[in-house]
N, C-alpha and C. Protein backbone atom coordinates (compact mmCIF):
# COMPACT_ATOMS: atom_id res chain seq x y z
N MET A 1 28.98 23.50 5.11
CA MET A 1 28.15 23.17 3.96
C MET A 1 29.08 22.71 2.83
N LEU A 2 28.68 21.68 2.20
CA LEU A 2 29.43 21.12 1.09
C LEU A 2 29.39 22.07 -0.10
N ARG A 3 30.49 22.28 -0.73
CA ARG A 3 30.55 23.12 -1.93
C ARG A 3 30.79 22.22 -3.13
N PHE A 4 30.14 22.54 -4.21
CA PHE A 4 30.25 21.76 -5.43
C PHE A 4 31.11 22.52 -6.43
N ASP A 5 31.96 21.79 -7.11
CA ASP A 5 32.77 22.37 -8.18
C ASP A 5 32.07 22.02 -9.48
N GLN A 6 31.49 23.03 -10.16
CA GLN A 6 30.73 22.78 -11.37
C GLN A 6 31.55 22.09 -12.45
N ARG A 7 32.83 22.32 -12.50
CA ARG A 7 33.64 21.71 -13.54
C ARG A 7 33.72 20.21 -13.38
N SER A 8 33.57 19.69 -12.14
CA SER A 8 33.71 18.26 -11.92
C SER A 8 32.37 17.54 -11.87
N THR A 9 31.30 18.25 -12.10
CA THR A 9 29.98 17.63 -12.04
C THR A 9 29.81 16.64 -13.19
N THR A 10 29.41 15.43 -12.84
CA THR A 10 29.13 14.41 -13.84
C THR A 10 27.63 14.24 -13.95
N THR A 11 27.22 13.54 -14.96
CA THR A 11 25.80 13.32 -15.19
C THR A 11 25.51 11.84 -15.08
N VAL A 12 24.37 11.52 -14.49
CA VAL A 12 23.98 10.13 -14.36
C VAL A 12 23.67 9.58 -15.74
N ARG A 13 24.34 8.49 -16.11
CA ARG A 13 24.11 7.86 -17.41
C ARG A 13 23.96 6.35 -17.28
N HIS A 14 24.27 5.78 -16.14
CA HIS A 14 24.41 4.34 -16.05
C HIS A 14 23.40 3.68 -15.12
N ARG A 15 22.27 4.26 -14.89
CA ARG A 15 21.31 3.65 -13.98
C ARG A 15 20.41 2.68 -14.73
N ARG A 16 19.85 1.74 -13.98
CA ARG A 16 18.87 0.83 -14.57
C ARG A 16 17.64 1.60 -14.94
N GLN A 17 17.04 1.30 -16.06
CA GLN A 17 15.79 1.87 -16.51
C GLN A 17 15.74 3.39 -16.34
N GLU A 18 16.64 4.09 -17.00
CA GLU A 18 16.61 5.54 -16.95
C GLU A 18 15.27 6.06 -17.43
N GLN A 19 14.78 7.09 -16.78
CA GLN A 19 13.54 7.74 -17.17
C GLN A 19 13.89 9.03 -17.89
N PRO A 20 13.11 9.42 -18.91
CA PRO A 20 13.43 10.64 -19.66
C PRO A 20 13.52 11.87 -18.76
N HIS A 21 12.70 11.95 -17.71
CA HIS A 21 12.74 13.12 -16.85
C HIS A 21 13.90 13.09 -15.87
N GLU A 22 14.67 11.99 -15.84
CA GLU A 22 15.80 11.89 -14.94
C GLU A 22 17.14 11.88 -15.68
N ARG A 23 17.13 12.01 -16.97
CA ARG A 23 18.33 11.86 -17.78
C ARG A 23 18.77 13.23 -18.30
N HIS A 24 20.08 13.41 -18.40
CA HIS A 24 20.60 14.67 -18.93
C HIS A 24 21.92 14.40 -19.65
N ARG A 25 22.06 14.95 -20.82
CA ARG A 25 23.29 14.82 -21.60
C ARG A 25 24.20 15.99 -21.27
N LEU A 26 25.43 15.66 -20.92
CA LEU A 26 26.39 16.70 -20.60
C LEU A 26 26.83 17.39 -21.88
N GLY A 27 27.19 18.63 -21.79
CA GLY A 27 27.61 19.38 -22.96
C GLY A 27 26.67 20.54 -23.17
N PRO A 28 26.94 21.37 -24.15
CA PRO A 28 26.10 22.53 -24.36
C PRO A 28 24.75 22.14 -24.95
N PRO A 29 23.69 22.16 -24.15
CA PRO A 29 22.38 21.80 -24.66
C PRO A 29 21.87 22.83 -25.66
N GLN A 30 21.01 22.38 -26.54
CA GLN A 30 20.42 23.27 -27.54
C GLN A 30 18.93 23.03 -27.60
N GLY A 31 18.18 24.02 -28.06
CA GLY A 31 16.73 23.89 -28.22
C GLY A 31 16.05 23.57 -26.90
N PRO A 32 15.08 22.63 -26.91
CA PRO A 32 14.36 22.30 -25.68
C PRO A 32 15.27 21.77 -24.59
N GLN A 33 16.39 21.11 -24.99
CA GLN A 33 17.32 20.61 -23.98
C GLN A 33 17.93 21.75 -23.18
N ALA A 34 18.09 22.89 -23.77
CA ALA A 34 18.68 24.02 -23.05
C ALA A 34 17.81 24.42 -21.87
N ARG A 35 16.49 24.40 -22.06
CA ARG A 35 15.60 24.74 -20.96
C ARG A 35 15.68 23.71 -19.84
N VAL A 36 15.76 22.42 -20.19
CA VAL A 36 15.88 21.38 -19.17
C VAL A 36 17.22 21.51 -18.47
N ALA A 37 18.29 21.77 -19.23
CA ALA A 37 19.62 21.83 -18.65
C ALA A 37 19.75 22.94 -17.63
N GLU A 38 18.98 23.99 -17.78
CA GLU A 38 19.03 25.08 -16.80
C GLU A 38 18.00 24.88 -15.71
N GLY A 39 17.25 23.81 -15.76
CA GLY A 39 16.24 23.56 -14.76
C GLY A 39 15.03 24.45 -14.98
N ARG A 40 14.30 24.21 -16.06
CA ARG A 40 13.11 25.02 -16.35
C ARG A 40 11.90 24.15 -16.64
N PHE A 41 11.75 23.69 -17.89
CA PHE A 41 10.56 22.93 -18.26
C PHE A 41 10.92 21.70 -19.08
N TRP A 42 10.10 20.68 -18.93
CA TRP A 42 10.22 19.45 -19.71
C TRP A 42 8.81 18.89 -19.86
N ASN A 43 8.39 18.63 -21.06
CA ASN A 43 7.06 18.08 -21.35
C ASN A 43 5.95 18.82 -20.61
N GLY A 44 6.06 20.13 -20.57
CA GLY A 44 5.01 20.96 -19.99
C GLY A 44 5.03 21.11 -18.49
N THR A 45 6.04 20.59 -17.83
CA THR A 45 6.12 20.74 -16.37
C THR A 45 7.48 21.31 -15.98
N GLN A 46 7.55 21.85 -14.78
CA GLN A 46 8.77 22.52 -14.34
C GLN A 46 9.81 21.51 -13.85
N THR A 47 11.07 21.81 -14.15
CA THR A 47 12.16 20.94 -13.73
C THR A 47 13.24 21.75 -13.05
N LEU A 48 14.03 21.05 -12.26
CA LEU A 48 15.22 21.62 -11.66
C LEU A 48 16.37 20.66 -11.89
N LEU A 49 17.57 21.13 -11.66
CA LEU A 49 18.75 20.27 -11.69
C LEU A 49 19.16 20.02 -10.25
N LEU A 50 19.20 18.77 -9.86
CA LEU A 50 19.62 18.37 -8.53
C LEU A 50 21.03 17.84 -8.62
N THR A 51 21.93 18.39 -7.81
CA THR A 51 23.30 17.88 -7.75
C THR A 51 23.50 17.25 -6.39
N THR A 52 23.80 15.95 -6.41
CA THR A 52 24.09 15.20 -5.19
C THR A 52 25.55 14.78 -5.23
N VAL A 53 26.02 14.21 -4.13
CA VAL A 53 27.36 13.65 -4.08
C VAL A 53 27.22 12.14 -4.10
N GLY A 54 27.91 11.49 -5.03
CA GLY A 54 27.83 10.03 -5.15
C GLY A 54 28.26 9.35 -3.87
N ARG A 55 27.44 8.43 -3.39
CA ARG A 55 27.74 7.77 -2.11
C ARG A 55 28.96 6.86 -2.21
N VAL A 56 29.26 6.37 -3.40
CA VAL A 56 30.43 5.52 -3.60
C VAL A 56 31.60 6.32 -4.13
N SER A 57 31.36 7.10 -5.19
CA SER A 57 32.44 7.82 -5.85
C SER A 57 32.86 9.09 -5.13
N GLY A 58 31.92 9.71 -4.44
CA GLY A 58 32.20 11.01 -3.81
C GLY A 58 32.18 12.16 -4.81
N ASN A 59 31.85 11.87 -6.06
CA ASN A 59 31.81 12.90 -7.10
C ASN A 59 30.41 13.50 -7.20
N PRO A 60 30.32 14.77 -7.57
CA PRO A 60 29.01 15.37 -7.78
C PRO A 60 28.30 14.71 -8.97
N VAL A 61 26.99 14.51 -8.82
CA VAL A 61 26.17 13.90 -9.87
C VAL A 61 24.94 14.78 -10.07
N ARG A 62 24.69 15.17 -11.31
CA ARG A 62 23.60 16.09 -11.63
C ARG A 62 22.46 15.32 -12.29
N THR A 63 21.23 15.58 -11.81
CA THR A 63 20.05 14.88 -12.32
C THR A 63 18.91 15.88 -12.50
N PRO A 64 18.33 15.99 -13.69
CA PRO A 64 17.15 16.85 -13.85
C PRO A 64 15.91 16.12 -13.33
N LEU A 65 15.08 16.84 -12.58
CA LEU A 65 13.89 16.26 -11.98
C LEU A 65 12.72 17.23 -12.03
N ILE A 66 11.54 16.69 -12.08
CA ILE A 66 10.32 17.48 -11.93
C ILE A 66 10.27 17.91 -10.47
N TYR A 67 9.80 19.13 -10.22
CA TYR A 67 9.73 19.58 -8.84
C TYR A 67 8.45 20.35 -8.56
N GLY A 68 8.18 20.48 -7.28
CA GLY A 68 7.10 21.32 -6.79
C GLY A 68 7.67 22.19 -5.68
N GLU A 69 6.87 23.10 -5.20
CA GLU A 69 7.30 23.96 -4.10
C GLU A 69 6.24 23.97 -3.01
N ASP A 70 6.69 24.09 -1.77
CA ASP A 70 5.78 24.16 -0.64
C ASP A 70 6.46 24.97 0.46
N GLN A 71 5.88 26.10 0.79
CA GLN A 71 6.37 26.96 1.86
C GLN A 71 7.87 27.25 1.75
N GLY A 72 8.32 27.60 0.55
CA GLY A 72 9.72 27.94 0.34
C GLY A 72 10.66 26.75 0.20
N ARG A 73 10.12 25.56 0.24
CA ARG A 73 10.92 24.34 0.09
C ARG A 73 10.69 23.76 -1.29
N TYR A 74 11.67 23.04 -1.78
CA TYR A 74 11.55 22.36 -3.08
C TYR A 74 11.22 20.90 -2.82
N LEU A 75 10.36 20.32 -3.67
CA LEU A 75 9.93 18.94 -3.52
C LEU A 75 10.26 18.17 -4.79
N VAL A 76 10.84 16.98 -4.63
CA VAL A 76 11.08 16.08 -5.75
C VAL A 76 10.63 14.68 -5.35
N VAL A 77 10.28 13.88 -6.34
CA VAL A 77 9.74 12.54 -6.09
C VAL A 77 10.75 11.50 -6.56
N ALA A 78 11.06 10.55 -5.69
CA ALA A 78 12.01 9.48 -6.01
C ALA A 78 11.27 8.29 -6.61
N SER A 79 10.62 8.51 -7.74
CA SER A 79 9.74 7.49 -8.32
C SER A 79 10.48 6.38 -9.05
N ASN A 80 11.53 6.73 -9.74
CA ASN A 80 12.26 5.79 -10.60
C ASN A 80 11.29 5.08 -11.55
N GLY A 81 10.27 5.81 -11.98
CA GLY A 81 9.30 5.27 -12.93
C GLY A 81 8.49 4.11 -12.38
N GLY A 82 8.43 3.97 -11.05
CA GLY A 82 7.68 2.87 -10.44
C GLY A 82 8.49 1.60 -10.28
N ASP A 83 9.80 1.68 -10.49
CA ASP A 83 10.68 0.53 -10.32
C ASP A 83 10.67 0.09 -8.85
N THR A 84 11.08 -1.15 -8.59
CA THR A 84 11.12 -1.64 -7.21
C THR A 84 12.25 -1.03 -6.40
N ALA A 85 13.26 -0.48 -7.07
CA ALA A 85 14.40 0.13 -6.37
C ALA A 85 14.31 1.65 -6.43
N HIS A 86 14.85 2.29 -5.41
CA HIS A 86 14.93 3.74 -5.41
C HIS A 86 15.94 4.20 -6.47
N PRO A 87 15.76 5.40 -7.02
CA PRO A 87 16.75 5.92 -7.98
C PRO A 87 18.09 6.17 -7.29
N LEU A 88 19.15 6.14 -8.07
CA LEU A 88 20.49 6.33 -7.51
C LEU A 88 20.64 7.67 -6.80
N TRP A 89 20.07 8.73 -7.36
CA TRP A 89 20.22 10.04 -6.73
C TRP A 89 19.61 10.04 -5.33
N TYR A 90 18.54 9.28 -5.12
CA TYR A 90 17.91 9.20 -3.80
C TYR A 90 18.81 8.45 -2.82
N ARG A 91 19.43 7.40 -3.29
CA ARG A 91 20.35 6.64 -2.43
C ARG A 91 21.57 7.48 -2.06
N ASN A 92 21.99 8.37 -2.97
CA ASN A 92 23.10 9.27 -2.65
C ASN A 92 22.75 10.19 -1.48
N LEU A 93 21.48 10.58 -1.38
CA LEU A 93 21.07 11.49 -0.32
C LEU A 93 21.20 10.87 1.07
N SER A 94 21.12 9.56 1.16
CA SER A 94 21.28 8.90 2.46
C SER A 94 22.68 9.14 3.02
N ALA A 95 23.66 9.11 2.14
CA ALA A 95 25.04 9.32 2.57
C ALA A 95 25.40 10.79 2.67
N HIS A 96 24.85 11.61 1.78
CA HIS A 96 25.20 13.04 1.71
C HIS A 96 23.93 13.86 1.46
N PRO A 97 23.27 14.34 2.49
CA PRO A 97 22.02 15.09 2.28
C PRO A 97 22.23 16.52 1.77
N GLU A 98 23.48 16.99 1.75
CA GLU A 98 23.74 18.33 1.22
C GLU A 98 23.62 18.28 -0.30
N VAL A 99 22.85 19.21 -0.86
CA VAL A 99 22.60 19.22 -2.30
C VAL A 99 22.74 20.64 -2.84
N ARG A 100 22.79 20.70 -4.15
CA ARG A 100 22.68 21.98 -4.86
C ARG A 100 21.58 21.80 -5.88
N ILE A 101 20.72 22.80 -6.01
CA ILE A 101 19.70 22.75 -7.04
C ILE A 101 19.82 24.00 -7.90
N GLN A 102 19.41 23.83 -9.15
CA GLN A 102 19.37 24.96 -10.07
C GLN A 102 17.99 25.00 -10.68
N VAL A 103 17.34 26.15 -10.53
CA VAL A 103 16.03 26.40 -11.14
C VAL A 103 16.21 27.62 -12.02
N GLY A 104 16.22 27.40 -13.34
CA GLY A 104 16.55 28.50 -14.24
C GLY A 104 17.96 28.99 -13.91
N PRO A 105 18.16 30.29 -13.79
CA PRO A 105 19.48 30.79 -13.47
C PRO A 105 19.80 30.76 -11.97
N LYS A 106 18.80 30.47 -11.15
CA LYS A 106 18.95 30.50 -9.69
C LYS A 106 19.58 29.20 -9.19
N ILE A 107 20.68 29.32 -8.43
CA ILE A 107 21.36 28.17 -7.84
C ILE A 107 21.24 28.29 -6.33
N VAL A 108 20.81 27.20 -5.70
CA VAL A 108 20.53 27.20 -4.27
C VAL A 108 21.22 26.01 -3.61
N GLN A 109 21.87 26.24 -2.48
CA GLN A 109 22.38 25.15 -1.64
C GLN A 109 21.24 24.70 -0.75
N GLY A 110 21.19 23.42 -0.43
CA GLY A 110 20.11 22.94 0.41
C GLY A 110 20.47 21.66 1.13
N VAL A 111 19.57 21.28 2.02
CA VAL A 111 19.69 20.00 2.73
C VAL A 111 18.42 19.23 2.43
N ALA A 112 18.60 17.99 1.99
CA ALA A 112 17.47 17.16 1.58
C ALA A 112 17.12 16.16 2.67
N ARG A 113 15.83 15.89 2.77
CA ARG A 113 15.35 14.86 3.69
C ARG A 113 14.11 14.23 3.08
N THR A 114 13.82 13.02 3.53
CA THR A 114 12.61 12.34 3.07
C THR A 114 11.44 12.81 3.91
N ALA A 115 10.35 13.14 3.25
CA ALA A 115 9.14 13.56 3.96
C ALA A 115 8.61 12.40 4.79
N SER A 116 8.12 12.71 5.98
CA SER A 116 7.49 11.69 6.82
C SER A 116 6.23 11.20 6.12
N SER A 117 5.70 10.08 6.57
CA SER A 117 4.46 9.55 5.97
C SER A 117 3.33 10.55 6.08
N GLU A 118 3.25 11.24 7.21
CA GLU A 118 2.20 12.25 7.40
C GLU A 118 2.39 13.42 6.43
N GLU A 119 3.62 13.90 6.32
CA GLU A 119 3.92 14.98 5.37
C GLU A 119 3.62 14.55 3.94
N ARG A 120 4.05 13.33 3.62
CA ARG A 120 3.89 12.80 2.26
C ARG A 120 2.42 12.80 1.85
N ALA A 121 1.55 12.44 2.77
CA ALA A 121 0.12 12.40 2.47
C ALA A 121 -0.39 13.76 1.97
N GLY A 122 0.14 14.84 2.53
CA GLY A 122 -0.26 16.18 2.09
C GLY A 122 0.47 16.66 0.85
N LEU A 123 1.70 16.18 0.65
CA LEU A 123 2.51 16.64 -0.48
C LEU A 123 2.28 15.84 -1.75
N TRP A 124 1.86 14.59 -1.62
CA TRP A 124 1.67 13.74 -2.80
C TRP A 124 0.71 14.38 -3.82
N PRO A 125 -0.46 14.89 -3.40
CA PRO A 125 -1.34 15.52 -4.39
C PRO A 125 -0.71 16.73 -5.08
N VAL A 126 0.16 17.44 -4.38
CA VAL A 126 0.86 18.58 -4.99
C VAL A 126 1.72 18.08 -6.15
N MET A 127 2.46 17.00 -5.89
CA MET A 127 3.37 16.49 -6.93
C MET A 127 2.61 15.79 -8.07
N VAL A 128 1.52 15.11 -7.75
CA VAL A 128 0.71 14.49 -8.81
C VAL A 128 0.10 15.58 -9.69
N GLY A 129 -0.16 16.75 -9.11
CA GLY A 129 -0.64 17.88 -9.91
C GLY A 129 0.37 18.33 -10.94
N HIS A 130 1.67 18.16 -10.64
CA HIS A 130 2.72 18.50 -11.60
C HIS A 130 2.96 17.38 -12.60
N TRP A 131 2.82 16.13 -12.16
CA TRP A 131 3.10 14.98 -13.02
C TRP A 131 2.14 13.85 -12.64
N PRO A 132 0.96 13.77 -13.29
CA PRO A 132 -0.05 12.77 -12.93
C PRO A 132 0.43 11.32 -12.98
N ALA A 133 1.45 11.03 -13.77
CA ALA A 133 1.96 9.66 -13.88
C ALA A 133 2.53 9.14 -12.56
N TYR A 134 2.79 10.01 -11.60
CA TYR A 134 3.28 9.53 -10.30
C TYR A 134 2.30 8.54 -9.67
N ASP A 135 1.00 8.76 -9.84
CA ASP A 135 0.02 7.80 -9.32
C ASP A 135 0.18 6.44 -9.99
N GLU A 136 0.43 6.43 -11.31
CA GLU A 136 0.66 5.17 -12.03
C GLU A 136 1.93 4.49 -11.53
N TYR A 137 2.98 5.28 -11.31
CA TYR A 137 4.23 4.71 -10.81
C TYR A 137 4.02 4.06 -9.45
N GLN A 138 3.26 4.73 -8.58
CA GLN A 138 3.02 4.18 -7.24
C GLN A 138 2.24 2.87 -7.33
N ALA A 139 1.31 2.79 -8.27
CA ALA A 139 0.52 1.57 -8.44
C ALA A 139 1.37 0.40 -8.94
N LYS A 140 2.48 0.69 -9.63
CA LYS A 140 3.35 -0.35 -10.20
C LYS A 140 4.30 -0.98 -9.18
N THR A 141 4.46 -0.37 -8.01
CA THR A 141 5.47 -0.85 -7.07
C THR A 141 4.89 -1.04 -5.68
N ASP A 142 5.52 -1.94 -4.92
CA ASP A 142 5.10 -2.17 -3.54
C ASP A 142 5.75 -1.17 -2.58
N ARG A 143 6.84 -0.53 -3.01
CA ARG A 143 7.50 0.43 -2.12
C ARG A 143 6.72 1.74 -2.10
N GLU A 144 6.75 2.41 -0.96
CA GLU A 144 6.16 3.75 -0.92
C GLU A 144 7.16 4.69 -1.58
N ILE A 145 6.74 5.33 -2.65
CA ILE A 145 7.64 6.25 -3.36
C ILE A 145 7.87 7.48 -2.49
N PRO A 146 9.13 7.77 -2.17
CA PRO A 146 9.42 8.89 -1.29
C PRO A 146 9.29 10.25 -1.98
N ILE A 147 8.90 11.23 -1.18
CA ILE A 147 8.99 12.62 -1.60
C ILE A 147 10.15 13.22 -0.81
N VAL A 148 11.04 13.87 -1.52
CA VAL A 148 12.20 14.51 -0.90
C VAL A 148 11.91 15.99 -0.75
N VAL A 149 12.14 16.48 0.45
CA VAL A 149 11.97 17.90 0.76
C VAL A 149 13.36 18.51 0.82
N ILE A 150 13.58 19.54 0.03
CA ILE A 150 14.88 20.23 0.02
C ILE A 150 14.69 21.59 0.67
N GLU A 151 15.33 21.76 1.81
CA GLU A 151 15.28 23.02 2.55
C GLU A 151 16.47 23.88 2.13
N PRO A 152 16.22 25.05 1.53
CA PRO A 152 17.34 25.93 1.17
C PRO A 152 18.09 26.39 2.42
N VAL A 153 19.39 26.55 2.27
CA VAL A 153 20.22 27.08 3.35
C VAL A 153 20.99 28.28 2.84
N ALA A 154 21.34 29.16 3.75
CA ALA A 154 22.10 30.36 3.36
C ALA A 154 23.48 29.94 2.88
N PRO A 155 23.99 30.62 1.83
CA PRO A 155 25.33 30.25 1.30
C PRO A 155 26.44 30.59 2.26
């Protein structure tokens, strides 16, 4: 299992059309940012911090995302705000599916995979329940917006 060094974790800052729910400023967060930085809440919905390994750089990259849960698994949506391209963090998962997530003070190692079309059909309403704009994002793009399932693994 891949281990992440928290000191070397970088934050995504250079993607096309950054979305507020996907952006995080490195440094000691304060006020509402502190809750997002620890993977808690943003605009009334729950968030986690997803750490992936950059497919090009090989460096850890941390991204705050809205999440849901299903049968002990964590779910995140690779919406990129309805853009035609997948978000960078999703493309990183193709090369390195090992991830780390932080929900509040809890840090979990996991393996990420894209939900099958059949799985997605059942999980999409769960995620739209957390963030209704996902339906709008899907309407804006021709690509099927993926749902990523993160299966926790023992440390």
